[in-house]
Amino acid sequence: MGDDGVGVAVVRQLLAEAGRDVTPEHGGPIAAGVGRHVPEAFGRGLDAVVGETAGLGLIGHFKESRTVIVIDALDASSEGAQPGQVFRFDPDEAGVTSLRSNNIHGMGVPHLVVNARLSGAEPEVIVYAVQVGDVRPRPDQLSPAVAAAVPAVVAMVRADIARLG
């Protein structure tokens, strides 16, 4: 997964800091599937989900939550973003909820937000995205620039968790 695994790396670090087991449930370092749900990982009502490549398999979390924090890789290199650059945004402000996708891999945050809203749910969604540098298949190995961004994203998410808790 290369730099595509940055979200998993951040959540694993947050879970480790919270004293939670960070062993992958599927047997591999980063495995496809609906991911791993860790109830109350960060306190009462503050769950963690390592979504990996779950796509629409995460819809229940969007429907049932007041706030969802998404941490993912992003490719905004055509806009001048540099590897390891961190973005924090609301999907509506960024125009992400109006994106169209014609492939299964692209069914990510935009589809999750829109589908949750269609069911009547309106969670606050905060997206942390890190500009990728290298996405060649290398399980659990981030490029140096993206790996260097992980502690900053961890700190920002930790601040959001404190605000929510």
Protein backbone atom coordinates (compact mmCIF):
# COMPACT_ATOMS: atom_id res chain seq x y z
CA MET A 1 0.00 0.00 0.00
CA GLY A 2 2.91 2.36 0.43
CA ASP A 3 1.73 5.84 1.38
CA ASP A 4 -1.92 4.76 0.99
CA GLY A 5 -1.48 3.25 4.46
CA VAL A 6 -0.98 6.59 6.22
CA GLY A 7 -4.46 6.55 7.77
CA VAL A 8 -3.86 3.10 9.23
CA ALA A 9 -0.47 4.25 10.57
CA VAL A 10 -2.05 7.25 12.33
CA VAL A 11 -4.88 5.23 13.89
CA ARG A 12 -2.46 2.52 15.04
CA GLN A 13 -0.30 5.19 16.72
CA LEU A 14 -3.35 6.70 18.43
CA LEU A 15 -4.45 3.26 19.61
CA ALA A 16 -0.95 2.46 20.89
CA GLU A 17 -0.89 5.73 22.86
CA ALA A 18 -4.29 4.81 24.32
CA GLY A 19 -2.87 1.44 25.43
CA ARG A 20 -5.00 -0.52 22.98
CA ASP A 21 -3.99 -3.58 20.98
CA VAL A 22 -2.83 -2.55 17.51
CA THR A 23 -2.36 -6.05 16.11
CA PRO A 24 -4.08 -6.31 12.71
CA GLU A 25 -7.21 -8.47 12.91
CA HIS A 26 -6.90 -9.92 9.41
CA GLY A 27 -3.47 -11.47 9.81
CA GLY A 28 -1.58 -9.16 7.47
CA PRO A 29 0.08 -5.82 8.18
CA ILE A 30 -2.55 -3.95 6.16
CA ALA A 31 -5.32 -6.12 4.80
CA ALA A 32 -8.37 -5.31 2.72
CA GLY A 33 -11.74 -5.65 4.35
CA VAL A 34 -14.16 -3.85 6.58
CA GLY A 35 -11.44 -3.16 9.05
CA ARG A 36 -11.34 -3.38 12.78
CA HIS A 37 -13.72 -1.69 15.21
CA VAL A 38 -12.31 -0.82 18.64
CA PRO A 39 -15.21 0.32 20.85
CA GLU A 40 -14.47 3.19 23.25
CA ALA A 41 -10.80 3.19 22.23
CA PHE A 42 -10.40 6.81 23.32
CA GLY A 43 -13.01 7.03 26.06
CA ARG A 44 -16.72 6.68 26.47
CA GLY A 45 -18.44 6.92 23.08
CA LEU A 46 -15.14 7.47 21.25
CA ASP A 47 -14.54 4.45 19.04
CA ALA A 48 -11.77 3.76 16.55
CA VAL A 49 -12.20 1.98 13.24
CA VAL A 50 -9.25 0.92 11.16
CA GLY A 51 -11.16 1.02 7.89
CA GLU A 52 -8.34 0.05 5.56
CA THR A 53 -10.01 -0.35 2.15
CA ALA A 54 -13.53 -0.91 3.46
CA GLY A 55 -15.30 1.72 1.35
CA LEU A 56 -19.05 1.49 1.82
CA GLY A 57 -18.52 -1.13 4.53
CA LEU A 58 -18.00 1.86 6.85
CA ILE A 59 -21.44 3.38 6.19
CA GLY A 60 -22.84 2.19 9.52
CA HIS A 61 -20.25 4.24 11.39
CA PHE A 62 -21.25 7.34 9.44
CA LYS A 63 -24.95 6.72 10.11
CA GLU A 64 -24.52 6.05 13.84
CA SER A 65 -21.98 8.72 14.81
CA ARG A 66 -22.29 12.38 15.73
CA THR A 67 -18.72 13.03 14.55
CA VAL A 68 -16.49 11.03 12.22
CA ILE A 69 -12.79 11.75 11.82
CA VAL A 70 -11.37 10.30 8.61
CA ILE A 71 -7.62 9.96 8.09
CA ASP A 72 -6.57 9.07 4.57
CA ALA A 73 -4.06 9.51 1.80
CA LEU A 74 -4.63 12.13 -0.89
CA ASP A 75 -3.13 12.90 -4.26
CA ALA A 76 -3.30 16.63 -4.85
CA SER A 77 0.08 16.75 -6.60
CA SER A 78 -1.55 18.28 -9.67
CA GLU A 79 -2.46 21.21 -7.39
CA GLY A 80 1.13 21.56 -6.17
CA ALA A 81 0.86 19.59 -2.92
CA GLN A 82 4.11 18.10 -1.69
CA PRO A 83 4.54 14.59 -0.23
CA GLY A 84 3.75 14.63 3.47
CA GLN A 85 1.70 17.83 3.30
CA VAL A 86 -1.25 17.61 5.70
CA PHE A 87 -4.73 18.90 4.98
CA ARG A 88 -7.67 19.23 7.38
CA PHE A 89 -11.05 19.92 5.86
CA ASP A 90 -14.78 19.51 6.01
CA PRO A 91 -16.03 17.50 2.99
CA ASP A 92 -18.64 20.14 2.08
CA GLU A 93 -16.18 23.05 2.26
CA ALA A 94 -13.77 21.14 0.04
CA GLY A 95 -16.52 20.19 -2.43
CA VAL A 96 -15.75 16.52 -1.87
CA THR A 97 -19.40 15.50 -1.49
CA SER A 98 -20.11 16.49 -5.09
CA LEU A 99 -17.40 14.28 -6.56
CA ARG A 100 -18.40 11.45 -8.88
CA SER A 101 -16.59 8.15 -9.10
CA ASN A 102 -16.89 5.34 -11.62
CA ASN A 103 -14.89 2.68 -9.82
CA ILE A 104 -15.24 0.70 -6.61
CA HIS A 105 -11.92 1.89 -5.15
CA GLY A 106 -13.17 5.48 -5.43
CA MET A 107 -16.17 4.82 -3.17
CA GLY A 108 -14.75 6.63 -0.20
CA VAL A 109 -15.59 9.66 1.91
CA PRO A 110 -17.87 11.35 -0.66
CA HIS A 111 -20.09 8.29 -0.97
CA LEU A 112 -20.11 7.63 2.77
CA VAL A 113 -21.18 11.19 3.59
CA VAL A 114 -23.86 11.30 0.88
CA ASN A 115 -25.25 7.86 1.75
CA ALA A 116 -25.39 8.72 5.46
CA ARG A 117 -27.30 11.90 4.62
CA LEU A 118 -29.72 9.99 2.41
CA SER A 119 -30.59 7.90 5.47
CA GLY A 120 -31.18 11.02 7.56
CA ALA A 121 -27.84 11.04 9.42
CA GLU A 122 -25.84 14.27 9.56
CA PRO A 123 -22.54 13.51 11.29
CA GLU A 124 -19.88 16.17 11.56
CA VAL A 125 -17.12 14.87 9.28
CA ILE A 126 -13.52 15.98 9.68
CA VAL A 127 -11.03 14.78 7.11
CA TYR A 128 -7.29 14.67 7.63
CA ALA A 129 -5.50 13.90 4.39
CA VAL A 130 -1.80 13.48 3.75
CA GLN A 131 -0.31 14.02 0.30
CA VAL A 132 1.15 10.75 -0.96
CA GLY A 133 4.65 10.40 -2.29
CA ASP A 134 4.81 6.73 -3.20
CA VAL A 135 1.95 4.22 -3.48
CA ARG A 136 3.87 1.22 -4.79
CA PRO A 137 2.93 -1.96 -2.91
CA ARG A 138 5.07 -2.21 0.22
CA PRO A 139 3.08 -3.39 3.24
CA ASP A 140 3.28 -1.00 6.19
CA GLN A 141 6.09 1.07 4.69
CA LEU A 142 5.52 4.79 4.25
CA SER A 143 7.83 7.04 2.28
CA PRO A 144 10.02 9.22 4.53
CA ALA A 145 8.01 12.42 3.86
CA VAL A 146 4.68 10.78 4.66
CA ALA A 147 6.07 8.95 7.71
CA ALA A 148 7.31 12.30 9.00
CA ALA A 149 3.74 13.68 8.79
CA VAL A 150 2.26 10.93 11.01
CA PRO A 151 3.17 12.55 14.39
CA ALA A 152 1.64 15.88 13.31
CA VAL A 153 -1.61 14.21 12.23
CA VAL A 154 -1.67 12.18 15.46
CA ALA A 155 -1.38 15.43 17.47
CA MET A 156 -4.16 17.12 15.48
CA VAL A 157 -6.50 14.14 15.83
CA ARG A 158 -5.67 13.89 19.53
CA ALA A 159 -6.77 17.55 19.88
CA ASP A 160 -10.06 16.75 18.15
CA ILE A 161 -10.57 13.71 20.39
CA ALA A 162 -10.00 15.91 23.46
CA ARG A 163 -12.53 18.42 22.14
CA LEU A 164 -15.09 15.66 21.54
CA GLY A 165 -14.46 13.81 24.80
